[in-house]
Amino acid sequence: MPRLSDKSLLAIAAVVDVAVHARGTPVAAKALAARHNLPPRRLEPVLQALVHAGVLKGVRGPRGGYELARERRRVSVAEIVRVVEGADEEKEIILPPLVIEVVQPAVAAAETTFDTALDAVTLEDLCRAADNKGHGSEHDRIDFTI
């Protein structure tokens, strides 16, 4: 079964949090980390990768933080996943022929289907779901401890 990494899930949650809580003012990384019971140092590299990719915009200064760089409907879950998964340059591993010739081709179609499904889910969809579940309040604390 295809599974997103914990880092990808954290990145998606962070972008949803910024979209839900940035009502005219940037969301501070400290506030975001506190809301999700995470140390800021764990969240900062993820946020910076999303800024570099143009998903989030970093705002400097005493009232700085993060806000969306584009409209919610223009950000897909797949894009967020590609950003954070691409940020981790894995060391090249020499794969055995069985993996290259049998395993990779067998799962390629499933991975393509999964990627296509993620492309169809937008940040707007997730924000609507979060609002319906009551996760738009400043006092929400969701434990994303990984």
C-alpha atoms as a PDB file:
ATOM      1  CA  MET A   1       0.000   0.000   0.000  1.00  0.00           C
ATOM      2  CA  PRO A   2       1.464   3.397  -0.954  1.00  0.00           C
ATOM      3  CA  ARG A   3       2.318   5.435   2.087  1.00  0.00           C
ATOM      4  CA  LEU A   4       3.443   8.990   2.554  1.00  0.00           C
ATOM      5  CA  SER A   5       6.469   9.558   4.737  1.00  0.00           C
ATOM      6  CA  ASP A   6       6.044  11.190   8.129  1.00  0.00           C
ATOM      7  CA  LYS A   7       7.946  14.193   6.775  1.00  0.00           C
ATOM      8  CA  SER A   8       5.442  14.542   3.918  1.00  0.00           C
ATOM      9  CA  LEU A   9       2.494  14.298   6.300  1.00  0.00           C
ATOM     10  CA  LEU A  10       4.074  16.944   8.525  1.00  0.00           C
ATOM     11  CA  ALA A  11       4.631  19.249   5.535  1.00  0.00           C
ATOM     12  CA  ILE A  12       1.017  18.854   4.384  1.00  0.00           C
ATOM     13  CA  ALA A  13      -0.242  19.580   7.904  1.00  0.00           C
ATOM     14  CA  ALA A  14       2.030  22.634   8.181  1.00  0.00           C
ATOM     15  CA  VAL A  15       0.758  24.108   4.905  1.00  0.00           C
ATOM     16  CA  VAL A  16      -2.861  23.459   5.917  1.00  0.00           C
ATOM     17  CA  ASP A  17      -2.168  25.101   9.287  1.00  0.00           C
ATOM     18  CA  VAL A  18      -0.670  28.176   7.617  1.00  0.00           C
ATOM     19  CA  ALA A  19      -3.623  28.389   5.222  1.00  0.00           C
ATOM     20  CA  VAL A  20      -6.165  28.101   8.031  1.00  0.00           C
ATOM     21  CA  HIS A  21      -4.463  30.403  10.559  1.00  0.00           C
ATOM     22  CA  ALA A  22      -2.903  33.110   8.343  1.00  0.00           C
ATOM     23  CA  ARG A  23      -5.831  35.485   8.309  1.00  0.00           C
ATOM     24  CA  GLY A  24      -4.068  38.581   7.082  1.00  0.00           C
ATOM     25  CA  THR A  25      -0.990  38.017   9.232  1.00  0.00           C
ATOM     26  CA  PRO A  26       1.855  35.529   8.791  1.00  0.00           C
ATOM     27  CA  VAL A  27       1.942  32.437  10.993  1.00  0.00           C
ATOM     28  CA  ALA A  28       5.044  32.358  13.189  1.00  0.00           C
ATOM     29  CA  ALA A  29       7.039  29.130  13.066  1.00  0.00           C
ATOM     30  CA  LYS A  30       7.064  29.082  16.883  1.00  0.00           C
ATOM     31  CA  ALA A  31       3.265  29.246  17.032  1.00  0.00           C
ATOM     32  CA  LEU A  32       2.935  26.562  14.390  1.00  0.00           C
ATOM     33  CA  ALA A  33       5.404  24.294  16.192  1.00  0.00           C
ATOM     34  CA  ALA A  34       3.685  24.864  19.549  1.00  0.00           C
ATOM     35  CA  ARG A  35       0.272  24.114  18.092  1.00  0.00           C
ATOM     36  CA  HIS A  36       1.549  20.758  16.839  1.00  0.00           C
ATOM     37  CA  ASN A  37       3.788  19.842  19.778  1.00  0.00           C
ATOM     38  CA  LEU A  38       6.969  19.957  17.696  1.00  0.00           C
ATOM     39  CA  PRO A  39      10.331  21.587  18.319  1.00  0.00           C
ATOM     40  CA  PRO A  40      10.774  24.523  15.886  1.00  0.00           C
ATOM     41  CA  ARG A  41      14.087  23.059  14.644  1.00  0.00           C
ATOM     42  CA  ARG A  42      12.137  20.053  13.331  1.00  0.00           C
ATOM     43  CA  LEU A  43       9.708  22.218  11.385  1.00  0.00           C
ATOM     44  CA  GLU A  44      11.998  24.947  10.071  1.00  0.00           C
ATOM     45  CA  PRO A  45      13.771  22.917   7.316  1.00  0.00           C
ATOM     46  CA  VAL A  46      10.398  21.756   5.997  1.00  0.00           C
ATOM     47  CA  LEU A  47       9.060  25.316   5.954  1.00  0.00           C
ATOM     48  CA  GLN A  48      12.200  26.624   4.249  1.00  0.00           C
ATOM     49  CA  ALA A  49      11.951  23.967   1.517  1.00  0.00           C
ATOM     50  CA  LEU A  50       8.327  25.010   0.919  1.00  0.00           C
ATOM     51  CA  VAL A  51       9.366  28.674   0.695  1.00  0.00           C
ATOM     52  CA  HIS A  52      12.150  27.832  -1.750  1.00  0.00           C
ATOM     53  CA  ALA A  53       9.641  25.960  -3.930  1.00  0.00           C
ATOM     54  CA  GLY A  54       7.132  28.834  -3.908  1.00  0.00           C
ATOM     55  CA  VAL A  55       4.426  27.071  -1.890  1.00  0.00           C
ATOM     56  CA  LEU A  56       4.881  29.332   1.141  1.00  0.00           C
ATOM     57  CA  LYS A  57       6.196  32.861   1.451  1.00  0.00           C
ATOM     58  CA  GLY A  58       8.490  33.791   4.325  1.00  0.00           C
ATOM     59  CA  VAL A  59       7.885  37.166   5.935  1.00  0.00           C
ATOM     60  CA  ARG A  60      10.756  38.621   7.981  1.00  0.00           C
ATOM     61  CA  GLY A  61      10.599  40.854  10.988  1.00  0.00           C
ATOM     62  CA  PRO A  62       9.119  40.840  14.480  1.00  0.00           C
ATOM     63  CA  ARG A  63       5.651  40.011  13.142  1.00  0.00           C
ATOM     64  CA  GLY A  64       7.022  37.685  10.505  1.00  0.00           C
ATOM     65  CA  GLY A  65       6.281  34.093   9.750  1.00  0.00           C
ATOM     66  CA  TYR A  66       4.803  32.168   6.866  1.00  0.00           C
ATOM     67  CA  GLU A  67       1.872  32.659   4.543  1.00  0.00           C
ATOM     68  CA  LEU A  68       0.716  31.005   1.358  1.00  0.00           C
ATOM     69  CA  ALA A  69       2.518  32.082  -1.778  1.00  0.00           C
ATOM     70  CA  ARG A  70      -0.476  31.169  -3.976  1.00  0.00           C
ATOM     71  CA  GLU A  71      -4.208  30.597  -3.712  1.00  0.00           C
ATOM     72  CA  ARG A  72      -5.269  27.448  -1.878  1.00  0.00           C
ATOM     73  CA  ARG A  73      -6.821  25.952  -4.996  1.00  0.00           C
ATOM     74  CA  ARG A  74      -3.511  26.285  -6.841  1.00  0.00           C
ATOM     75  CA  VAL A  75      -1.522  24.109  -4.396  1.00  0.00           C
ATOM     76  CA  SER A  76      -1.849  20.329  -4.615  1.00  0.00           C
ATOM     77  CA  VAL A  77      -0.913  17.786  -2.003  1.00  0.00           C
ATOM     78  CA  ALA A  78       1.319  16.104  -4.585  1.00  0.00           C
ATOM     79  CA  GLU A  79       3.325  19.317  -5.006  1.00  0.00           C
ATOM     80  CA  ILE A  80       3.929  19.565  -1.261  1.00  0.00           C
ATOM     81  CA  VAL A  81       5.049  15.923  -1.166  1.00  0.00           C
ATOM     82  CA  ARG A  82       7.383  16.387  -4.136  1.00  0.00           C
ATOM     83  CA  VAL A  83       8.983  19.413  -2.452  1.00  0.00           C
ATOM     84  CA  VAL A  84       9.807  17.720   0.834  1.00  0.00           C
ATOM     85  CA  GLU A  85      10.706  14.348  -0.613  1.00  0.00           C
ATOM     86  CA  GLY A  86      12.952  16.031  -3.166  1.00  0.00           C
ATOM     87  CA  ALA A  87      14.669  18.019  -0.401  1.00  0.00           C
ATOM     88  CA  ASP A  88      16.216  14.830   0.941  1.00  0.00           C
ATOM     89  CA  GLU A  89      18.928  13.839  -1.455  1.00  0.00           C
ATOM     90  CA  GLU A  90      19.413  10.174  -0.747  1.00  0.00           C
ATOM     91  CA  LYS A  91      22.758   8.599  -1.298  1.00  0.00           C
ATOM     92  CA  GLU A  92      22.710   6.556  -4.437  1.00  0.00           C
ATOM     93  CA  ILE A  93      22.188   2.922  -3.635  1.00  0.00           C
ATOM     94  CA  ILE A  94      23.101   0.221  -6.094  1.00  0.00           C
ATOM     95  CA  LEU A  95      19.983  -1.854  -6.485  1.00  0.00           C
ATOM     96  CA  PRO A  96      20.050  -5.563  -7.264  1.00  0.00           C
ATOM     97  CA  PRO A  97      18.735  -6.699 -10.667  1.00  0.00           C
ATOM     98  CA  LEU A  98      15.628  -8.248  -9.040  1.00  0.00           C
ATOM     99  CA  VAL A  99      14.568  -4.802  -7.798  1.00  0.00           C
ATOM    100  CA  ILE A 100      15.330  -3.082 -11.103  1.00  0.00           C
ATOM    101  CA  GLU A 101      13.844  -5.718 -13.399  1.00  0.00           C
ATOM    102  CA  VAL A 102      10.908  -7.023 -11.353  1.00  0.00           C
ATOM    103  CA  VAL A 103       9.967  -4.968  -8.310  1.00  0.00           C
ATOM    104  CA  GLN A 104      10.215  -1.419  -9.723  1.00  0.00           C
ATOM    105  CA  PRO A 105       8.179  -2.154 -12.875  1.00  0.00           C
ATOM    106  CA  ALA A 106       5.542  -3.981 -10.819  1.00  0.00           C
ATOM    107  CA  VAL A 107       4.900  -1.023  -8.528  1.00  0.00           C
ATOM    108  CA  ALA A 108       5.378   1.756 -11.124  1.00  0.00           C
ATOM    109  CA  ALA A 109       1.727   1.764 -12.239  1.00  0.00           C
ATOM    110  CA  ALA A 110       0.495   1.904  -8.642  1.00  0.00           C
ATOM    111  CA  GLU A 111       2.839   4.790  -7.866  1.00  0.00           C
ATOM    112  CA  THR A 112       1.582   6.668 -10.928  1.00  0.00           C
ATOM    113  CA  THR A 113      -2.032   6.153  -9.849  1.00  0.00           C
ATOM    114  CA  PHE A 114      -1.199   7.332  -6.324  1.00  0.00           C
ATOM    115  CA  ASP A 115       0.602  10.443  -7.640  1.00  0.00           C
ATOM    116  CA  THR A 116      -2.352  11.259  -9.908  1.00  0.00           C
ATOM    117  CA  ALA A 117      -4.750  10.946  -6.973  1.00  0.00           C
ATOM    118  CA  LEU A 118      -2.572  13.275  -4.854  1.00  0.00           C
ATOM    119  CA  ASP A 119      -2.502  15.815  -7.684  1.00  0.00           C
ATOM    120  CA  ALA A 120      -6.305  15.940  -7.506  1.00  0.00           C
ATOM    121  CA  VAL A 121      -6.332  16.910  -3.796  1.00  0.00           C
ATOM    122  CA  THR A 122      -5.839  20.629  -3.304  1.00  0.00           C
ATOM    123  CA  LEU A 123      -5.007  22.677  -0.259  1.00  0.00           C
ATOM    124  CA  GLU A 124      -8.492  24.174  -0.578  1.00  0.00           C
ATOM    125  CA  ASP A 125      -9.996  20.674  -0.137  1.00  0.00           C
ATOM    126  CA  LEU A 126      -7.961  20.080   3.024  1.00  0.00           C
ATOM    127  CA  CYS A 127      -8.749  23.521   4.463  1.00  0.00           C
ATOM    128  CA  ARG A 128     -12.462  22.933   3.939  1.00  0.00           C
ATOM    129  CA  ALA A 129     -12.182  19.565   5.685  1.00  0.00           C
ATOM    130  CA  ALA A 130     -10.204  21.156   8.556  1.00  0.00           C
ATOM    131  CA  ASP A 131     -12.844  23.863   8.966  1.00  0.00           C
ATOM    132  CA  ASN A 132     -15.619  21.242   8.989  1.00  0.00           C
ATOM    133  CA  LYS A 133     -13.794  19.305  11.709  1.00  0.00           C
ATOM    134  CA  GLY A 134     -13.234  22.447  13.804  1.00  0.00           C
ATOM    135  CA  HIS A 135      -9.469  22.721  13.294  1.00  0.00           C
ATOM    136  CA  GLY A 136      -9.539  26.412  12.444  1.00  0.00           C
ATOM    137  CA  SER A 137      -9.415  27.681  16.001  1.00  0.00           C
ATOM    138  CA  GLU A 138      -6.216  29.192  17.410  1.00  0.00           C
ATOM    139  CA  HIS A 139      -6.487  26.822  20.366  1.00  0.00           C
ATOM    140  CA  ASP A 140      -6.352  23.625  18.331  1.00  0.00           C
ATOM    141  CA  ARG A 141      -3.533  21.334  19.288  1.00  0.00           C
ATOM    142  CA  ILE A 142      -2.963  18.415  17.010  1.00  0.00           C
ATOM    143  CA  ASP A 143      -0.151  16.087  17.946  1.00  0.00           C
ATOM    144  CA  PHE A 144       2.020  15.504  14.885  1.00  0.00           C
ATOM    145  CA  THR A 145       4.858  14.020  16.893  1.00  0.00           C
ATOM    146  CA  ILE A 146       6.767  11.649  14.677  1.00  0.00           C
END
